[in-house]
């Protein structure tokens, strides 16, 4: 260990909310709506006076979308039940979602989908970006939701970053549950992203609030449309997580 550095075990909770579905024949199926609420904490950097990483983009936007979705769906519940999950410790290894999946409060085969919200920032306020858009069997619903608020949709930006496997959705995908990440508009990891990504200047005052509002509303609508979808979403044929899904769901 570094001199003067002390390590200790701490406990940090996931925060889970439950909404019962309105359809008696479908309420035993669940949509997970998720976002991580942690960020990277405090870290002094040479020449930088501000050492607090506020995480407005990563992931206060996602938590805002999660809370909007929970508050509005509670008024008019969809057909399927919904678990709203604010995960801890995403930034240090997706630990909160890993714990959830390994200590699942409901059988995993009753979870039809995880709609995750996370992102490193945005540089295009005309779109939402979805990691796994065309892989998880709900592209139509997510595209419709974005369009409702004047936003286009962009699949799997910055492929060299392997973003699909870098957020909490991947812990659901690994056991076979279709699980994309719905993100603010990014096409590539350019300087506009890196300027704020894991930096102290990622603060509320720097956000385009008109865009954030429309983004959150699109996420909320996507959750509702997927929770009401007639058929359960399925991975695209040949997807690397399809075999896990067949084992989980028995098809």
C-alpha atoms as a PDB file:
ATOM      1  CA  UNK A   1       0.000   0.000   0.000  1.00  0.00           C
ATOM      2  CA  UNK A   2       1.024   3.588  -0.560  1.00  0.00           C
ATOM      3  CA  UNK A   3       2.422   5.304   2.491  1.00  0.00           C
ATOM      4  CA  UNK A   4      -0.317   6.951   4.522  1.00  0.00           C
ATOM      5  CA  UNK A   5      -3.124   5.226   2.594  1.00  0.00           C
ATOM      6  CA  UNK A   6      -5.666   3.397   4.697  1.00  0.00           C
ATOM      7  CA  UNK A   7      -8.157   0.929   3.282  1.00  0.00           C
ATOM      8  CA  UNK A   8     -11.352  -0.127   4.968  1.00  0.00           C
ATOM      9  CA  UNK A   9     -14.525  -1.996   4.050  1.00  0.00           C
ATOM     10  CA  UNK A  10     -17.591   0.152   3.499  1.00  0.00           C
ATOM     11  CA  UNK A  11     -21.162  -0.784   2.744  1.00  0.00           C
ATOM     12  CA  UNK A  12     -23.043   1.039   0.020  1.00  0.00           C
ATOM     13  CA  UNK A  13     -26.641   0.115  -0.860  1.00  0.00           C
ATOM     14  CA  UNK A  14     -28.485  -0.339  -4.082  1.00  0.00           C
ATOM     15  CA  UNK A  15     -31.797   1.526  -3.926  1.00  0.00           C
ATOM     16  CA  UNK A  16     -34.729  -0.445  -5.327  1.00  0.00           C
ATOM     17  CA  UNK A  17     -38.326   0.567  -5.975  1.00  0.00           C
ATOM     18  CA  UNK A  18     -41.173  -1.759  -6.966  1.00  0.00           C
ATOM     19  CA  UNK A  19     -44.252  -1.006  -9.056  1.00  0.00           C
ATOM     20  CA  UNK A  20     -46.835  -3.727  -9.595  1.00  0.00           C
ATOM     21  CA  UNK A  21     -48.045  -4.169 -13.149  1.00  0.00           C
ATOM     22  CA  UNK A  22     -51.642  -3.410 -14.080  1.00  0.00           C
ATOM     23  CA  UNK A  23     -52.272  -6.584 -16.107  1.00  0.00           C
ATOM     24  CA  UNK A  24     -52.984  -9.632 -13.959  1.00  0.00           C
ATOM     25  CA  UNK A  25     -51.644 -11.983 -16.645  1.00  0.00           C
ATOM     26  CA  UNK A  26     -48.381 -10.053 -17.135  1.00  0.00           C
ATOM     27  CA  UNK A  27     -47.542  -8.633 -13.694  1.00  0.00           C
ATOM     28  CA  UNK A  28     -45.320 -11.621 -12.876  1.00  0.00           C
ATOM     29  CA  UNK A  29     -42.993 -10.380 -15.627  1.00  0.00           C
ATOM     30  CA  UNK A  30     -40.629  -7.541 -14.766  1.00  0.00           C
ATOM     31  CA  UNK A  31     -38.856  -4.680 -16.491  1.00  0.00           C
ATOM     32  CA  UNK A  32     -35.768  -3.376 -14.715  1.00  0.00           C
ATOM     33  CA  UNK A  33     -35.187   0.365 -15.129  1.00  0.00           C
ATOM     34  CA  UNK A  34     -31.678   1.143 -13.935  1.00  0.00           C
ATOM     35  CA  UNK A  35     -29.033   3.840 -13.517  1.00  0.00           C
ATOM     36  CA  UNK A  36     -25.932   4.021 -11.326  1.00  0.00           C
ATOM     37  CA  UNK A  37     -25.857   6.788  -8.736  1.00  0.00           C
ATOM     38  CA  UNK A  38     -22.159   6.725  -7.837  1.00  0.00           C
ATOM     39  CA  UNK A  39     -19.357   8.690  -9.471  1.00  0.00           C
ATOM     40  CA  UNK A  40     -15.574   8.815  -9.044  1.00  0.00           C
ATOM     41  CA  UNK A  41     -15.435  10.879  -5.855  1.00  0.00           C
ATOM     42  CA  UNK A  42     -12.709  13.320  -4.867  1.00  0.00           C
ATOM     43  CA  UNK A  43      -9.293  13.344  -6.489  1.00  0.00           C
ATOM     44  CA  UNK A  44      -6.832  16.220  -6.463  1.00  0.00           C
ATOM     45  CA  UNK A  45      -5.127  16.951  -9.775  1.00  0.00           C
ATOM     46  CA  UNK A  46      -2.057  19.142 -10.287  1.00  0.00           C
ATOM     47  CA  UNK A  47      -3.026  22.693 -11.176  1.00  0.00           C
ATOM     48  CA  UNK A  48      -6.741  22.082 -10.638  1.00  0.00           C
ATOM     49  CA  UNK A  49      -8.333  23.737  -7.607  1.00  0.00           C
ATOM     50  CA  UNK A  50     -11.619  21.807  -7.768  1.00  0.00           C
ATOM     51  CA  UNK A  51     -11.157  18.163  -6.769  1.00  0.00           C
ATOM     52  CA  UNK A  52     -14.835  17.178  -6.433  1.00  0.00           C
ATOM     53  CA  UNK A  53     -16.200  15.115  -9.311  1.00  0.00           C
ATOM     54  CA  UNK A  54     -19.906  15.959  -9.418  1.00  0.00           C
ATOM     55  CA  UNK A  55     -20.860  13.660 -12.284  1.00  0.00           C
ATOM     56  CA  UNK A  56     -23.676  15.716 -13.823  1.00  0.00           C
ATOM     57  CA  UNK A  57     -23.417  13.777 -17.078  1.00  0.00           C
ATOM     58  CA  UNK A  58     -22.181  10.552 -15.509  1.00  0.00           C
ATOM     59  CA  UNK A  59     -24.616   9.811 -14.062  1.00  0.00           C
ATOM     60  CA  UNK A  60     -26.940  12.465 -12.637  1.00  0.00           C
ATOM     61  CA  UNK A  61     -28.676  12.556 -16.028  1.00  0.00           C
ATOM     62  CA  UNK A  62     -29.329   8.831 -15.733  1.00  0.00           C
ATOM     63  CA  UNK A  63     -30.605   9.103 -12.169  1.00  0.00           C
ATOM     64  CA  UNK A  64     -32.893  11.971 -13.232  1.00  0.00           C
ATOM     65  CA  UNK A  65     -34.299   9.815 -16.032  1.00  0.00           C
ATOM     66  CA  UNK A  66     -34.800   6.961 -13.573  1.00  0.00           C
ATOM     67  CA  UNK A  67     -36.643   9.165 -11.056  1.00  0.00           C
ATOM     68  CA  UNK A  68     -38.827  10.742 -13.737  1.00  0.00           C
ATOM     69  CA  UNK A  69     -39.752   7.289 -15.006  1.00  0.00           C
ATOM     70  CA  UNK A  70     -40.592   6.017 -11.523  1.00  0.00           C
ATOM     71  CA  UNK A  71     -42.707   9.040 -10.574  1.00  0.00           C
ATOM     72  CA  UNK A  72     -44.727   9.041 -13.783  1.00  0.00           C
ATOM     73  CA  UNK A  73     -45.238   5.295 -14.220  1.00  0.00           C
ATOM     74  CA  UNK A  74     -46.462   5.137 -10.618  1.00  0.00           C
ATOM     75  CA  UNK A  75     -49.432   7.290 -11.670  1.00  0.00           C
ATOM     76  CA  UNK A  76     -50.350   5.028 -14.588  1.00  0.00           C
ATOM     77  CA  UNK A  77     -48.660   1.622 -14.165  1.00  0.00           C
ATOM     78  CA  UNK A  78     -47.810  -0.364 -17.296  1.00  0.00           C
ATOM     79  CA  UNK A  79     -48.962  -3.926 -17.851  1.00  0.00           C
ATOM     80  CA  UNK A  80     -45.783  -5.538 -16.535  1.00  0.00           C
ATOM     81  CA  UNK A  81     -44.288  -4.881 -13.136  1.00  0.00           C
ATOM     82  CA  UNK A  82     -41.248  -2.616 -12.885  1.00  0.00           C
ATOM     83  CA  UNK A  83     -38.242  -2.656 -10.565  1.00  0.00           C
ATOM     84  CA  UNK A  84     -36.481   0.716 -10.438  1.00  0.00           C
ATOM     85  CA  UNK A  85     -32.829   0.151  -9.543  1.00  0.00           C
ATOM     86  CA  UNK A  86     -30.329   2.844  -8.587  1.00  0.00           C
ATOM     87  CA  UNK A  87     -27.059   0.922  -8.475  1.00  0.00           C
ATOM     88  CA  UNK A  88     -24.002   1.705  -6.412  1.00  0.00           C
ATOM     89  CA  UNK A  89     -20.341   1.166  -7.292  1.00  0.00           C
ATOM     90  CA  UNK A  90     -20.639   1.080 -11.073  1.00  0.00           C
ATOM     91  CA  UNK A  91     -17.491   3.151 -11.453  1.00  0.00           C
ATOM     92  CA  UNK A  92     -15.290   0.662  -9.591  1.00  0.00           C
ATOM     93  CA  UNK A  93     -16.422  -2.453 -11.425  1.00  0.00           C
ATOM     94  CA  UNK A  94     -20.219  -2.641 -11.897  1.00  0.00           C
ATOM     95  CA  UNK A  95     -20.454  -3.991  -8.350  1.00  0.00           C
ATOM     96  CA  UNK A  96     -23.974  -2.898  -7.454  1.00  0.00           C
ATOM     97  CA  UNK A  97     -25.605  -4.515 -10.475  1.00  0.00           C
ATOM     98  CA  UNK A  98     -23.445  -7.605 -10.053  1.00  0.00           C
ATOM     99  CA  UNK A  99     -24.709  -7.960  -6.492  1.00  0.00           C
ATOM    100  CA  UNK A 100     -28.311  -7.479  -7.654  1.00  0.00           C
ATOM    101  CA  UNK A 101     -28.046 -10.221 -10.265  1.00  0.00           C
ATOM    102  CA  UNK A 102     -26.273 -12.629  -7.891  1.00  0.00           C
ATOM    103  CA  UNK A 103     -28.741 -11.934  -5.059  1.00  0.00           C
ATOM    104  CA  UNK A 104     -31.778 -11.372  -7.208  1.00  0.00           C
ATOM    105  CA  UNK A 105     -34.939 -10.364  -5.326  1.00  0.00           C
ATOM    106  CA  UNK A 106     -37.069 -12.046  -8.004  1.00  0.00           C
ATOM    107  CA  UNK A 107     -36.272 -15.016 -10.259  1.00  0.00           C
ATOM    108  CA  UNK A 108     -34.124 -13.856 -13.158  1.00  0.00           C
ATOM    109  CA  UNK A 109     -36.300 -15.657 -15.707  1.00  0.00           C
ATOM    110  CA  UNK A 110     -39.165 -13.329 -14.751  1.00  0.00           C
ATOM    111  CA  UNK A 111     -37.095 -10.294 -15.800  1.00  0.00           C
ATOM    112  CA  UNK A 112     -37.794  -9.648 -19.471  1.00  0.00           C
ATOM    113  CA  UNK A 113     -35.536  -6.611 -19.968  1.00  0.00           C
ATOM    114  CA  UNK A 114     -33.183  -4.140 -18.316  1.00  0.00           C
ATOM    115  CA  UNK A 115     -33.401  -0.585 -19.647  1.00  0.00           C
ATOM    116  CA  UNK A 116     -30.239   1.031 -18.316  1.00  0.00           C
ATOM    117  CA  UNK A 117     -29.391   4.735 -18.430  1.00  0.00           C
ATOM    118  CA  UNK A 118     -25.747   5.805 -18.334  1.00  0.00           C
ATOM    119  CA  UNK A 119     -23.357   7.954 -20.323  1.00  0.00           C
ATOM    120  CA  UNK A 120     -20.086   9.793 -20.369  1.00  0.00           C
ATOM    121  CA  UNK A 121     -21.530  12.973 -21.827  1.00  0.00           C
ATOM    122  CA  UNK A 122     -22.976  14.271 -25.087  1.00  0.00           C
ATOM    123  CA  UNK A 123     -21.944  16.305 -28.088  1.00  0.00           C
ATOM    124  CA  UNK A 124     -25.053  15.881 -30.255  1.00  0.00           C
ATOM    125  CA  UNK A 125     -28.336  17.183 -28.849  1.00  0.00           C
ATOM    126  CA  UNK A 126     -30.363  15.906 -31.800  1.00  0.00           C
ATOM    127  CA  UNK A 127     -30.081  12.219 -30.848  1.00  0.00           C
ATOM    128  CA  UNK A 128     -30.021   9.632 -28.128  1.00  0.00           C
ATOM    129  CA  UNK A 129     -27.413   6.897 -28.384  1.00  0.00           C
ATOM    130  CA  UNK A 130     -28.221   3.309 -27.481  1.00  0.00           C
ATOM    131  CA  UNK A 131     -25.634   0.635 -26.802  1.00  0.00           C
ATOM    132  CA  UNK A 132     -27.210  -2.513 -28.191  1.00  0.00           C
ATOM    133  CA  UNK A 133     -30.089  -0.818 -30.026  1.00  0.00           C
ATOM    134  CA  UNK A 134     -30.400  -3.458 -32.738  1.00  0.00           C
ATOM    135  CA  UNK A 135     -29.462  -6.430 -30.546  1.00  0.00           C
ATOM    136  CA  UNK A 136     -32.056  -6.557 -27.776  1.00  0.00           C
ATOM    137  CA  UNK A 137     -35.437  -6.814 -29.498  1.00  0.00           C
ATOM    138  CA  UNK A 138     -36.834  -3.377 -28.634  1.00  0.00           C
ATOM    139  CA  UNK A 139     -35.383  -1.050 -31.271  1.00  0.00           C
ATOM    140  CA  UNK A 140     -38.866  -0.055 -32.441  1.00  0.00           C
ATOM    141  CA  UNK A 141     -39.977   1.076 -28.989  1.00  0.00           C
ATOM    142  CA  UNK A 142     -36.788   3.013 -28.241  1.00  0.00           C
ATOM    143  CA  UNK A 143     -36.813   4.692 -31.666  1.00  0.00           C
ATOM    144  CA  UNK A 144     -40.471   5.665 -31.263  1.00  0.00           C
ATOM    145  CA  UNK A 145     -39.802   7.093 -27.805  1.00  0.00           C
ATOM    146  CA  UNK A 146     -36.919   9.234 -29.042  1.00  0.00           C
ATOM    147  CA  UNK A 147     -38.910  10.480 -32.035  1.00  0.00           C
ATOM    148  CA  UNK A 148     -41.787  11.545 -29.782  1.00  0.00           C
ATOM    149  CA  UNK A 149     -39.451  14.187 -28.323  1.00  0.00           C
ATOM    150  CA  UNK A 150     -37.856  15.237 -31.589  1.00  0.00           C
ATOM    151  CA  UNK A 151     -34.754  13.094 -31.199  1.00  0.00           C
ATOM    152  CA  UNK A 152     -33.106  10.705 -33.607  1.00  0.00           C
ATOM    153  CA  UNK A 153     -31.448   7.521 -32.434  1.00  0.00           C
ATOM    154  CA  UNK A 154     -27.900   6.297 -32.966  1.00  0.00           C
ATOM    155  CA  UNK A 155     -26.739   2.744 -32.381  1.00  0.00           C
ATOM    156  CA  UNK A 156     -23.495   1.722 -30.708  1.00  0.00           C
ATOM    157  CA  UNK A 157     -21.230   4.782 -30.986  1.00  0.00           C
ATOM    158  CA  UNK A 158     -17.459   4.574 -30.518  1.00  0.00           C
ATOM    159  CA  UNK A 159     -17.203   0.815 -31.132  1.00  0.00           C
ATOM    160  CA  UNK A 160     -13.534   0.876 -30.150  1.00  0.00           C
ATOM    161  CA  UNK A 161     -14.655   1.780 -26.607  1.00  0.00           C
ATOM    162  CA  UNK A 162     -16.812  -1.378 -26.251  1.00  0.00           C
ATOM    163  CA  UNK A 163     -19.397   0.706 -24.412  1.00  0.00           C
ATOM    164  CA  UNK A 164     -22.051  -2.020 -24.303  1.00  0.00           C
ATOM    165  CA  UNK A 165     -19.943  -4.047 -21.879  1.00  0.00           C
ATOM    166  CA  UNK A 166     -18.923  -1.087 -19.689  1.00  0.00           C
ATOM    167  CA  UNK A 167     -22.112  -0.290 -17.797  1.00  0.00           C
ATOM    168  CA  UNK A 168     -24.508  -2.107 -15.473  1.00  0.00           C
ATOM    169  CA  UNK A 169     -26.528  -3.538 -18.359  1.00  0.00           C
ATOM    170  CA  UNK A 170     -23.810  -6.101 -19.064  1.00  0.00           C
ATOM    171  CA  UNK A 171     -24.413  -7.962 -15.792  1.00  0.00           C
ATOM    172  CA  UNK A 172     -27.975  -8.587 -16.961  1.00  0.00           C
ATOM    173  CA  UNK A 173     -26.859  -9.443 -20.491  1.00  0.00           C
ATOM    174  CA  UNK A 174     -24.377 -12.009 -19.179  1.00  0.00           C
ATOM    175  CA  UNK A 175     -27.203 -14.086 -17.705  1.00  0.00           C
ATOM    176  CA  UNK A 176     -29.319 -13.705 -20.872  1.00  0.00           C
ATOM    177  CA  UNK A 177     -31.570 -10.733 -20.098  1.00  0.00           C
ATOM    178  CA  UNK A 178     -31.831  -8.253 -23.011  1.00  0.00           C
ATOM    179  CA  UNK A 179     -30.233  -5.093 -21.659  1.00  0.00           C
ATOM    180  CA  UNK A 180     -29.232  -1.986 -23.637  1.00  0.00           C
ATOM    181  CA  UNK A 181     -27.839   1.268 -22.282  1.00  0.00           C
ATOM    182  CA  UNK A 182     -29.759   4.403 -23.242  1.00  0.00           C
ATOM    183  CA  UNK A 183     -27.305   7.308 -23.365  1.00  0.00           C
ATOM    184  CA  UNK A 184     -27.160  11.029 -24.177  1.00  0.00           C
ATOM    185  CA  UNK A 185     -26.190  11.857 -27.745  1.00  0.00           C
ATOM    186  CA  UNK A 186     -22.705  10.705 -28.628  1.00  0.00           C
ATOM    187  CA  UNK A 187     -21.360   9.453 -31.941  1.00  0.00           C
ATOM    188  CA  UNK A 188     -17.692   9.237 -30.977  1.00  0.00           C
ATOM    189  CA  UNK A 189     -15.465   9.861 -27.973  1.00  0.00           C
ATOM    190  CA  UNK A 190     -14.246  13.265 -29.116  1.00  0.00           C
ATOM    191  CA  UNK A 191     -12.842  16.249 -27.235  1.00  0.00           C
ATOM    192  CA  UNK A 192     -16.303  17.501 -26.281  1.00  0.00           C
ATOM    193  CA  UNK A 193     -16.812  14.226 -24.372  1.00  0.00           C
ATOM    194  CA  UNK A 194     -13.318  14.034 -22.896  1.00  0.00           C
ATOM    195  CA  UNK A 195     -13.550  17.638 -21.695  1.00  0.00           C
ATOM    196  CA  UNK A 196     -16.135  16.590 -19.099  1.00  0.00           C
ATOM    197  CA  UNK A 197     -15.723  12.798 -18.774  1.00  0.00           C
ATOM    198  CA  UNK A 198     -14.632  12.023 -15.196  1.00  0.00           C
ATOM    199  CA  UNK A 199     -13.571  15.650 -14.739  1.00  0.00           C
ATOM    200  CA  UNK A 200     -14.443  18.078 -11.912  1.00  0.00           C
ATOM    201  CA  UNK A 201     -16.035  20.490 -14.400  1.00  0.00           C
ATOM    202  CA  UNK A 202     -18.837  18.008 -15.159  1.00  0.00           C
ATOM    203  CA  UNK A 203     -21.300  20.164 -13.226  1.00  0.00           C
ATOM    204  CA  UNK A 204     -25.019  20.924 -13.471  1.00  0.00           C
ATOM    205  CA  UNK A 205     -24.440  24.456 -14.779  1.00  0.00           C
ATOM    206  CA  UNK A 206     -22.753  23.095 -17.910  1.00  0.00           C
ATOM    207  CA  UNK A 207     -25.745  21.021 -19.014  1.00  0.00           C
ATOM    208  CA  UNK A 208     -28.142  21.838 -21.848  1.00  0.00           C
ATOM    209  CA  UNK A 209     -31.287  21.445 -19.749  1.00  0.00           C
ATOM    210  CA  UNK A 210     -33.709  21.553 -22.670  1.00  0.00           C
ATOM    211  CA  UNK A 211     -31.913  18.560 -24.155  1.00  0.00           C
ATOM    212  CA  UNK A 212     -31.635  16.733 -20.830  1.00  0.00           C
ATOM    213  CA  UNK A 213     -35.382  17.155 -20.288  1.00  0.00           C
ATOM    214  CA  UNK A 214     -36.254  15.731 -23.704  1.00  0.00           C
ATOM    215  CA  UNK A 215     -33.760  12.905 -23.209  1.00  0.00           C
ATOM    216  CA  UNK A 216     -35.286  11.950 -19.847  1.00  0.00           C
ATOM    217  CA  UNK A 217     -38.795  12.023 -21.299  1.00  0.00           C
ATOM    218  CA  UNK A 218     -37.713   9.775 -24.167  1.00  0.00           C
ATOM    219  CA  UNK A 219     -36.234   7.311 -21.673  1.00  0.00           C
ATOM    220  CA  UNK A 220     -39.436   7.321 -19.643  1.00  0.00           C
ATOM    221  CA  UNK A 221     -41.548   6.629 -22.720  1.00  0.00           C
ATOM    222  CA  UNK A 222     -39.213   3.846 -23.861  1.00  0.00           C
ATOM    223  CA  UNK A 223     -39.656   2.149 -20.485  1.00  0.00           C
ATOM    224  CA  UNK A 224     -43.436   2.386 -20.747  1.00  0.00           C
ATOM    225  CA  UNK A 225     -43.549   1.050 -24.307  1.00  0.00           C
ATOM    226  CA  UNK A 226     -41.290  -1.904 -23.476  1.00  0.00           C
ATOM    227  CA  UNK A 227     -43.230  -2.727 -20.299  1.00  0.00           C
ATOM    228  CA  UNK A 228     -46.422  -2.800 -22.390  1.00  0.00           C
ATOM    229  CA  UNK A 229     -44.920  -4.649 -25.367  1.00  0.00           C
ATOM    230  CA  UNK A 230     -46.997  -7.623 -26.544  1.00  0.00           C
ATOM    231  CA  UNK A 231     -44.065  -9.962 -27.071  1.00  0.00           C
ATOM    232  CA  UNK A 232     -41.087 -10.334 -24.770  1.00  0.00           C
ATOM    233  CA  UNK A 233     -37.961  -8.789 -26.311  1.00  0.00           C
ATOM    234  CA  UNK A 234     -35.374 -11.264 -27.608  1.00  0.00           C
ATOM    235  CA  UNK A 235     -31.733 -10.972 -28.500  1.00  0.00           C
ATOM    236  CA  UNK A 236     -30.947 -10.857 -32.193  1.00  0.00           C
ATOM    237  CA  UNK A 237     -30.202 -14.268 -33.646  1.00  0.00           C
ATOM    238  CA  UNK A 238     -26.544 -15.140 -33.210  1.00  0.00           C
ATOM    239  CA  UNK A 239     -25.866 -12.502 -30.560  1.00  0.00           C
ATOM    240  CA  UNK A 240     -23.142 -13.484 -28.124  1.00  0.00           C
ATOM    241  CA  UNK A 241     -25.667 -13.409 -25.255  1.00  0.00           C
ATOM    242  CA  UNK A 242     -28.345 -15.442 -27.060  1.00  0.00           C
ATOM    243  CA  UNK A 243     -27.223 -18.791 -25.650  1.00  0.00           C
ATOM    244  CA  UNK A 244     -27.437 -17.450 -22.107  1.00  0.00           C
ATOM    245  CA  UNK A 245     -30.968 -16.251 -22.874  1.00  0.00           C
ATOM    246  CA  UNK A 246     -32.013 -19.663 -24.178  1.00  0.00           C
ATOM    247  CA  UNK A 247     -30.710 -21.247 -21.004  1.00  0.00           C
ATOM    248  CA  UNK A 248     -32.422 -18.675 -18.779  1.00  0.00           C
ATOM    249  CA  UNK A 249     -35.801 -18.568 -20.486  1.00  0.00           C
ATOM    250  CA  UNK A 250     -35.899 -22.110 -21.860  1.00  0.00           C
ATOM    251  CA  UNK A 251     -36.581 -21.309 -25.508  1.00  0.00           C
END
